[in-house]
Structures are given as C-alpha cells and as structure tokens.
Amino acid sequence: MDKTRNIAPMKLEMLVAIVPEKKVAYFSSLIQSCQANMQVTLPAQGTTHILFNYLGIVEKPKNMIISIVRQDEAQKIIDILNENFQKAKELKGVAFTVRLASLIGTQVYGFLSNDKRVMEEA
C-alpha cells in the first residue's frame, strides 16, 4: 500500500497590486509582513494613458507588485491594502488575487508558502 502525504496543506494565490510608484516600497513591506516570501515589482501603466496623452495631462506613474501569498492570508492582505488605499489620495491603488492551480516542487512550495516544516522535510 502506497503511503501518500499531504505536502501542500496551504493553497497559494498570486496577488497583484497596482500602486503609485512613489509608494511601492510601503505597499511591498505591507504585503511582506503577511508572510509573502516572493515579490516582483514591475512598472505599470493604466488604460487611461492614451486619453491623458491626448489631453496633455501627465499620468502619475504606477508599479505592479506581483506576490505569491497563502490563501489563508490573501483576504487579510486585500483588506489591509484596501484600508491603505482609502487613507489618502496619493495612496490610491487596486489589488486582486488569482488562485494557483498547481506548483511543481516541494522546496519551491515551502519557500512560497513560508512553511519551514516543508523545507526541512524535503
């Protein structure tokens, strides 16, 4: 009889947050404080930039933060981000998550889920 073990007790989600460029370090640290081990920051541009360019209005630069978070932490992170988005006009942004269907590798899963037990077992 084959013994199987549940290596992935926590499901993972990809969190995407689009935030003002000047506040990317602030939002990145908020996300990291909720056990997000991996983050990628990329420059972003909204769809309104075409209209703004035509009207001669300079759009404020944005950055996109892509993080891998545990599903049990995802809603908490979204709530924290939304709370901060409402604090001031210069903190406006948008955030959402996408569920990850599968992931290859026990150690990769352990790192992304911030689960030290999985890292030690592998």
N, C-alpha and C. Protein backbone atom coordinates (compact mmCIF):
# COMPACT_ATOMS: atom_id res chain seq x y z
N MET A 1 0.83 -1.17 0.00
CA MET A 1 0.00 0.00 0.00
C MET A 1 0.89 1.25 0.00
N ASP A 2 0.60 2.15 -0.88
CA ASP A 2 1.37 3.38 -1.01
C ASP A 2 0.96 4.39 0.05
N LYS A 3 1.95 4.92 0.74
CA LYS A 3 1.66 5.98 1.71
C LYS A 3 1.84 7.32 1.00
N THR A 4 0.84 8.14 1.06
CA THR A 4 0.95 9.49 0.49
C THR A 4 0.83 10.48 1.63
N ARG A 5 1.52 11.57 1.46
CA ARG A 5 1.44 12.60 2.49
C ARG A 5 0.99 13.89 1.85
N ASN A 6 0.31 14.68 2.61
CA ASN A 6 -0.19 15.96 2.12
C ASN A 6 0.91 17.00 2.29
N ILE A 7 1.63 17.26 1.22
CA ILE A 7 2.75 18.19 1.28
C ILE A 7 2.26 19.64 1.24
N ALA A 8 1.16 19.89 0.59
CA ALA A 8 0.68 21.26 0.39
C ALA A 8 -0.58 21.53 1.20
N PRO A 9 -0.47 21.73 2.51
CA PRO A 9 -1.66 21.99 3.32
C PRO A 9 -2.27 23.35 3.06
N MET A 10 -1.47 24.31 2.58
CA MET A 10 -1.97 25.66 2.32
C MET A 10 -1.99 25.89 0.81
N LYS A 11 -3.09 26.32 0.28
CA LYS A 11 -3.16 26.67 -1.13
C LYS A 11 -2.52 28.06 -1.30
N LEU A 12 -2.02 28.31 -2.49
CA LEU A 12 -1.36 29.57 -2.77
C LEU A 12 -2.14 30.38 -3.80
N GLU A 13 -2.00 31.71 -3.73
CA GLU A 13 -2.63 32.61 -4.68
C GLU A 13 -1.60 33.64 -5.13
N MET A 14 -1.79 34.14 -6.34
CA MET A 14 -0.95 35.22 -6.84
C MET A 14 -1.69 36.53 -6.57
N LEU A 15 -1.06 37.40 -5.83
CA LEU A 15 -1.62 38.70 -5.50
C LEU A 15 -1.02 39.73 -6.46
N VAL A 16 -1.88 40.51 -7.09
CA VAL A 16 -1.45 41.59 -7.97
C VAL A 16 -1.95 42.89 -7.37
N ALA A 17 -1.03 43.81 -7.11
CA ALA A 17 -1.38 45.12 -6.57
C ALA A 17 -0.78 46.19 -7.48
N ILE A 18 -1.61 47.12 -7.92
CA ILE A 18 -1.14 48.24 -8.74
C ILE A 18 -1.20 49.47 -7.85
N VAL A 19 -0.03 50.04 -7.61
CA VAL A 19 0.11 51.11 -6.63
C VAL A 19 0.93 52.27 -7.21
N PRO A 20 0.83 53.46 -6.58
CA PRO A 20 1.66 54.59 -7.05
C PRO A 20 3.15 54.26 -6.92
N GLU A 21 3.91 54.68 -7.92
CA GLU A 21 5.35 54.38 -7.97
C GLU A 21 6.08 54.86 -6.71
N LYS A 22 5.71 56.01 -6.20
CA LYS A 22 6.40 56.57 -5.03
C LYS A 22 6.11 55.79 -3.74
N LYS A 23 5.07 54.98 -3.74
CA LYS A 23 4.67 54.24 -2.54
C LYS A 23 4.89 52.73 -2.68
N VAL A 24 5.62 52.29 -3.69
CA VAL A 24 5.80 50.86 -3.92
C VAL A 24 6.52 50.18 -2.76
N ALA A 25 7.51 50.83 -2.17
CA ALA A 25 8.24 50.23 -1.04
C ALA A 25 7.31 50.07 0.17
N TYR A 26 6.45 51.05 0.39
CA TYR A 26 5.49 51.00 1.50
C TYR A 26 4.54 49.81 1.34
N PHE A 27 3.92 49.69 0.15
CA PHE A 27 2.97 48.61 -0.07
C PHE A 27 3.66 47.25 -0.11
N SER A 28 4.87 47.20 -0.65
CA SER A 28 5.63 45.96 -0.69
C SER A 28 5.91 45.45 0.73
N SER A 29 6.26 46.36 1.63
CA SER A 29 6.53 45.95 3.02
C SER A 29 5.26 45.49 3.72
N LEU A 30 4.11 46.11 3.40
CA LEU A 30 2.84 45.65 3.97
C LEU A 30 2.55 44.21 3.55
N ILE A 31 2.74 43.93 2.28
CA ILE A 31 2.49 42.58 1.76
C ILE A 31 3.47 41.58 2.37
N GLN A 32 4.74 41.97 2.45
CA GLN A 32 5.76 41.08 3.00
C GLN A 32 5.50 40.76 4.47
N SER A 33 4.91 41.68 5.20
CA SER A 33 4.63 41.44 6.62
C SER A 33 3.58 40.35 6.83
N CYS A 34 2.87 39.96 5.77
CA CYS A 34 1.86 38.90 5.83
C CYS A 34 2.38 37.61 5.21
N GLN A 35 3.64 37.29 5.42
CA GLN A 35 4.27 36.03 5.03
C GLN A 35 4.38 35.83 3.52
N ALA A 36 4.56 36.90 2.77
CA ALA A 36 4.80 36.78 1.33
C ALA A 36 6.31 36.75 1.11
N ASN A 37 6.84 35.59 0.73
CA ASN A 37 8.29 35.44 0.55
C ASN A 37 8.78 35.92 -0.80
N MET A 38 7.93 35.95 -1.81
CA MET A 38 8.37 36.32 -3.14
C MET A 38 7.55 37.46 -3.69
N GLN A 39 8.23 38.50 -4.16
CA GLN A 39 7.55 39.63 -4.78
C GLN A 39 8.35 40.08 -6.00
N VAL A 40 7.64 40.50 -7.02
CA VAL A 40 8.24 41.08 -8.21
C VAL A 40 7.55 42.41 -8.44
N THR A 41 8.33 43.46 -8.68
CA THR A 41 7.78 44.78 -8.94
C THR A 41 8.09 45.18 -10.37
N LEU A 42 7.05 45.61 -11.09
CA LEU A 42 7.19 46.00 -12.50
C LEU A 42 6.54 47.36 -12.72
N PRO A 43 7.07 48.16 -13.64
CA PRO A 43 6.39 49.41 -13.97
C PRO A 43 5.06 49.10 -14.64
N ALA A 44 4.06 49.92 -14.38
CA ALA A 44 2.72 49.67 -14.94
C ALA A 44 2.16 50.97 -15.50
N GLN A 45 1.18 50.80 -16.38
CA GLN A 45 0.53 51.95 -17.00
C GLN A 45 -0.93 51.60 -17.18
N GLY A 46 -1.81 52.51 -16.79
CA GLY A 46 -3.24 52.26 -16.93
C GLY A 46 -3.72 52.48 -18.35
N THR A 47 -4.95 52.11 -18.62
CA THR A 47 -5.50 52.27 -19.96
C THR A 47 -5.85 53.72 -20.27
N THR A 48 -5.89 54.57 -19.26
CA THR A 48 -6.24 55.97 -19.48
C THR A 48 -5.08 56.78 -20.04
N HIS A 49 -3.87 56.20 -20.11
CA HIS A 49 -2.72 56.98 -20.56
C HIS A 49 -2.89 57.51 -21.99
N ILE A 50 -3.63 56.82 -22.84
CA ILE A 50 -3.85 57.28 -24.21
C ILE A 50 -4.66 58.58 -24.20
N LEU A 51 -5.73 58.57 -23.43
CA LEU A 51 -6.57 59.77 -23.33
C LEU A 51 -5.81 60.91 -22.65
N PHE A 52 -5.10 60.60 -21.59
CA PHE A 52 -4.33 61.63 -20.88
C PHE A 52 -3.27 62.25 -21.79
N ASN A 53 -2.58 61.43 -22.57
CA ASN A 53 -1.58 61.96 -23.51
C ASN A 53 -2.22 62.89 -24.52
N TYR A 54 -3.37 62.51 -25.02
CA TYR A 54 -4.08 63.34 -26.00
C TYR A 54 -4.46 64.69 -25.40
N LEU A 55 -4.88 64.69 -24.14
CA LEU A 55 -5.29 65.92 -23.47
C LEU A 55 -4.11 66.69 -22.87
N GLY A 56 -2.93 66.11 -22.92
CA GLY A 56 -1.75 66.80 -22.37
C GLY A 56 -1.64 66.69 -20.87
N ILE A 57 -2.32 65.72 -20.28
CA ILE A 57 -2.28 65.51 -18.84
C ILE A 57 -1.25 64.42 -18.55
N VAL A 58 -0.40 64.67 -17.58
CA VAL A 58 0.62 63.68 -17.23
C VAL A 58 0.04 62.74 -16.19
N GLU A 59 0.05 61.46 -16.53
CA GLU A 59 -0.46 60.44 -15.61
C GLU A 59 0.62 60.10 -14.58
N LYS A 60 0.21 59.91 -13.34
CA LYS A 60 1.16 59.54 -12.29
C LYS A 60 1.63 58.11 -12.53
N PRO A 61 2.95 57.88 -12.46
CA PRO A 61 3.47 56.53 -12.71
C PRO A 61 3.01 55.53 -11.65
N LYS A 62 2.75 54.32 -12.11
CA LYS A 62 2.31 53.23 -11.23
C LYS A 62 3.30 52.08 -11.31
N ASN A 63 3.25 51.23 -10.31
CA ASN A 63 4.01 49.99 -10.31
C ASN A 63 3.07 48.85 -9.98
N MET A 64 3.38 47.68 -10.52
CA MET A 64 2.61 46.48 -10.24
C MET A 64 3.47 45.56 -9.37
N ILE A 65 2.92 45.18 -8.24
CA ILE A 65 3.59 44.25 -7.34
C ILE A 65 2.91 42.89 -7.50
N ILE A 66 3.68 41.90 -7.89
CA ILE A 66 3.15 40.54 -8.01
C ILE A 66 3.77 39.72 -6.89
N SER A 67 2.91 39.14 -6.05
CA SER A 67 3.37 38.37 -4.89
C SER A 67 2.68 37.02 -4.88
N ILE A 68 3.33 36.05 -4.27
CA ILE A 68 2.69 34.76 -4.02
C ILE A 68 2.37 34.71 -2.54
N VAL A 69 1.09 34.53 -2.22
CA VAL A 69 0.64 34.54 -0.83
C VAL A 69 -0.15 33.29 -0.53
N ARG A 70 -0.21 32.95 0.75
CA ARG A 70 -1.03 31.82 1.17
C ARG A 70 -2.50 32.22 1.10
N GLN A 71 -3.33 31.25 0.72
CA GLN A 71 -4.76 31.53 0.57
C GLN A 71 -5.38 32.01 1.88
N ASP A 72 -4.91 31.47 3.02
CA ASP A 72 -5.47 31.88 4.30
C ASP A 72 -5.06 33.31 4.68
N GLU A 73 -4.04 33.87 4.03
CA GLU A 73 -3.60 35.25 4.29
C GLU A 73 -4.11 36.23 3.24
N ALA A 74 -4.61 35.73 2.11
CA ALA A 74 -4.97 36.57 0.97
C ALA A 74 -6.01 37.64 1.32
N GLN A 75 -7.10 37.25 1.96
CA GLN A 75 -8.15 38.22 2.27
C GLN A 75 -7.66 39.27 3.27
N LYS A 76 -6.84 38.85 4.22
CA LYS A 76 -6.26 39.78 5.19
C LYS A 76 -5.41 40.83 4.47
N ILE A 77 -4.60 40.39 3.51
CA ILE A 77 -3.75 41.32 2.76
C ILE A 77 -4.59 42.28 1.93
N ILE A 78 -5.61 41.75 1.25
CA ILE A 78 -6.51 42.60 0.46
C ILE A 78 -7.16 43.65 1.35
N ASP A 79 -7.62 43.25 2.53
CA ASP A 79 -8.25 44.20 3.46
C ASP A 79 -7.26 45.28 3.91
N ILE A 80 -6.03 44.89 4.21
CA ILE A 80 -5.00 45.86 4.62
C ILE A 80 -4.72 46.83 3.49
N LEU A 81 -4.58 46.32 2.27
CA LEU A 81 -4.32 47.18 1.12
C LEU A 81 -5.48 48.14 0.87
N ASN A 82 -6.71 47.61 0.90
CA ASN A 82 -7.89 48.47 0.69
C ASN A 82 -7.98 49.57 1.74
N GLU A 83 -7.69 49.22 2.98
CA GLU A 83 -7.70 50.20 4.06
C GLU A 83 -6.69 51.32 3.77
N ASN A 84 -5.51 50.95 3.29
CA ASN A 84 -4.49 51.94 2.97
C ASN A 84 -4.83 52.74 1.72
N PHE A 85 -5.48 52.11 0.73
CA PHE A 85 -5.89 52.82 -0.48
C PHE A 85 -6.86 53.96 -0.16
N GLN A 86 -7.62 53.80 0.92
CA GLN A 86 -8.63 54.80 1.28
C GLN A 86 -8.11 55.89 2.19
N LYS A 87 -6.89 55.76 2.68
CA LYS A 87 -6.35 56.74 3.63
C LYS A 87 -6.08 58.10 3.01
N ALA A 88 -5.53 58.12 1.81
CA ALA A 88 -5.18 59.39 1.18
C ALA A 88 -5.22 59.24 -0.34
N LYS A 89 -5.38 60.37 -1.02
CA LYS A 89 -5.47 60.36 -2.48
C LYS A 89 -4.21 59.80 -3.14
N GLU A 90 -3.04 60.09 -2.57
CA GLU A 90 -1.79 59.62 -3.16
C GLU A 90 -1.52 58.13 -2.91
N LEU A 91 -2.40 57.46 -2.15
CA LEU A 91 -2.25 56.03 -1.87
C LEU A 91 -3.22 55.16 -2.68
N LYS A 92 -3.95 55.75 -3.61
CA LYS A 92 -4.95 55.00 -4.38
C LYS A 92 -4.29 53.86 -5.16
N GLY A 93 -4.99 52.74 -5.23
CA GLY A 93 -4.49 51.59 -5.97
C GLY A 93 -5.57 50.55 -6.13
N VAL A 94 -5.17 49.41 -6.67
CA VAL A 94 -6.09 48.30 -6.85
C VAL A 94 -5.33 47.01 -6.56
N ALA A 95 -6.04 46.02 -6.01
CA ALA A 95 -5.41 44.74 -5.70
C ALA A 95 -6.42 43.61 -5.89
N PHE A 96 -5.90 42.47 -6.36
CA PHE A 96 -6.74 41.29 -6.53
C PHE A 96 -5.85 40.06 -6.48
N THR A 97 -6.49 38.89 -6.31
CA THR A 97 -5.74 37.63 -6.28
C THR A 97 -6.26 36.69 -7.35
N VAL A 98 -5.37 35.77 -7.75
CA VAL A 98 -5.70 34.71 -8.70
C VAL A 98 -5.22 33.41 -8.08
N ARG A 99 -6.09 32.42 -8.01
CA ARG A 99 -5.71 31.13 -7.42
C ARG A 99 -4.72 30.40 -8.31
N LEU A 100 -3.75 29.76 -7.70
CA LEU A 100 -2.79 28.93 -8.43
C LEU A 100 -3.28 27.49 -8.38
N ALA A 101 -3.41 26.86 -9.53
CA ALA A 101 -3.94 25.51 -9.59
C ALA A 101 -2.91 24.47 -9.17
N SER A 102 -1.65 24.66 -9.55
CA SER A 102 -0.64 23.67 -9.20
C SER A 102 0.72 24.33 -9.16
N LEU A 103 1.64 23.64 -8.51
CA LEU A 103 3.00 24.13 -8.35
C LEU A 103 3.92 22.92 -8.31
N ILE A 104 5.02 22.99 -9.01
CA ILE A 104 5.95 21.86 -9.06
C ILE A 104 7.08 22.09 -8.08
N GLY A 105 7.34 21.10 -7.25
CA GLY A 105 8.49 21.14 -6.36
C GLY A 105 8.14 21.43 -4.91
N THR A 106 8.55 20.52 -4.04
CA THR A 106 8.27 20.66 -2.62
C THR A 106 8.99 21.85 -2.01
N GLN A 107 10.25 22.03 -2.37
CA GLN A 107 11.01 23.14 -1.79
C GLN A 107 10.49 24.48 -2.30
N VAL A 108 10.08 24.54 -3.56
CA VAL A 108 9.51 25.78 -4.09
C VAL A 108 8.23 26.10 -3.32
N TYR A 109 7.38 25.08 -3.14
CA TYR A 109 6.16 25.29 -2.37
C TYR A 109 6.49 25.76 -0.95
N GLY A 110 7.45 25.13 -0.29
CA GLY A 110 7.83 25.50 1.07
C GLY A 110 8.28 26.94 1.16
N PHE A 111 9.07 27.39 0.18
CA PHE A 111 9.53 28.78 0.18
C PHE A 111 8.38 29.74 -0.04
N LEU A 112 7.55 29.48 -1.06
CA LEU A 112 6.47 30.39 -1.39
C LEU A 112 5.39 30.45 -0.31
N SER A 113 5.16 29.34 0.38
CA SER A 113 4.13 29.32 1.42
C SER A 113 4.68 29.72 2.78
N ASN A 114 6.00 29.94 2.85
CA ASN A 114 6.67 30.30 4.10
C ASN A 114 6.44 29.23 5.17
N ASP A 115 6.49 27.97 4.73
CA ASP A 115 6.27 26.83 5.62
C ASP A 115 7.62 26.14 5.86
N LYS A 116 8.23 26.42 6.99
CA LYS A 116 9.55 25.89 7.33
C LYS A 116 9.55 24.36 7.45
N ARG A 117 8.42 23.78 7.87
CA ARG A 117 8.34 22.32 8.00
C ARG A 117 8.55 21.62 6.68
N VAL A 118 7.96 22.16 5.63
CA VAL A 118 8.08 21.56 4.31
C VAL A 118 9.53 21.66 3.83
N MET A 119 10.17 22.77 4.11
CA MET A 119 11.57 22.97 3.70
C MET A 119 12.48 21.95 4.39
N GLU A 120 12.20 21.65 5.67
CA GLU A 120 13.03 20.71 6.43
C GLU A 120 12.80 19.27 5.97
N GLU A 121 11.56 18.93 5.57
CA GLU A 121 11.24 17.57 5.14
C GLU A 121 11.84 17.23 3.79
N ALA A 122 11.98 18.21 2.93
CA ALA A 122 12.43 17.96 1.55
C ALA A 122 13.90 17.62 1.48
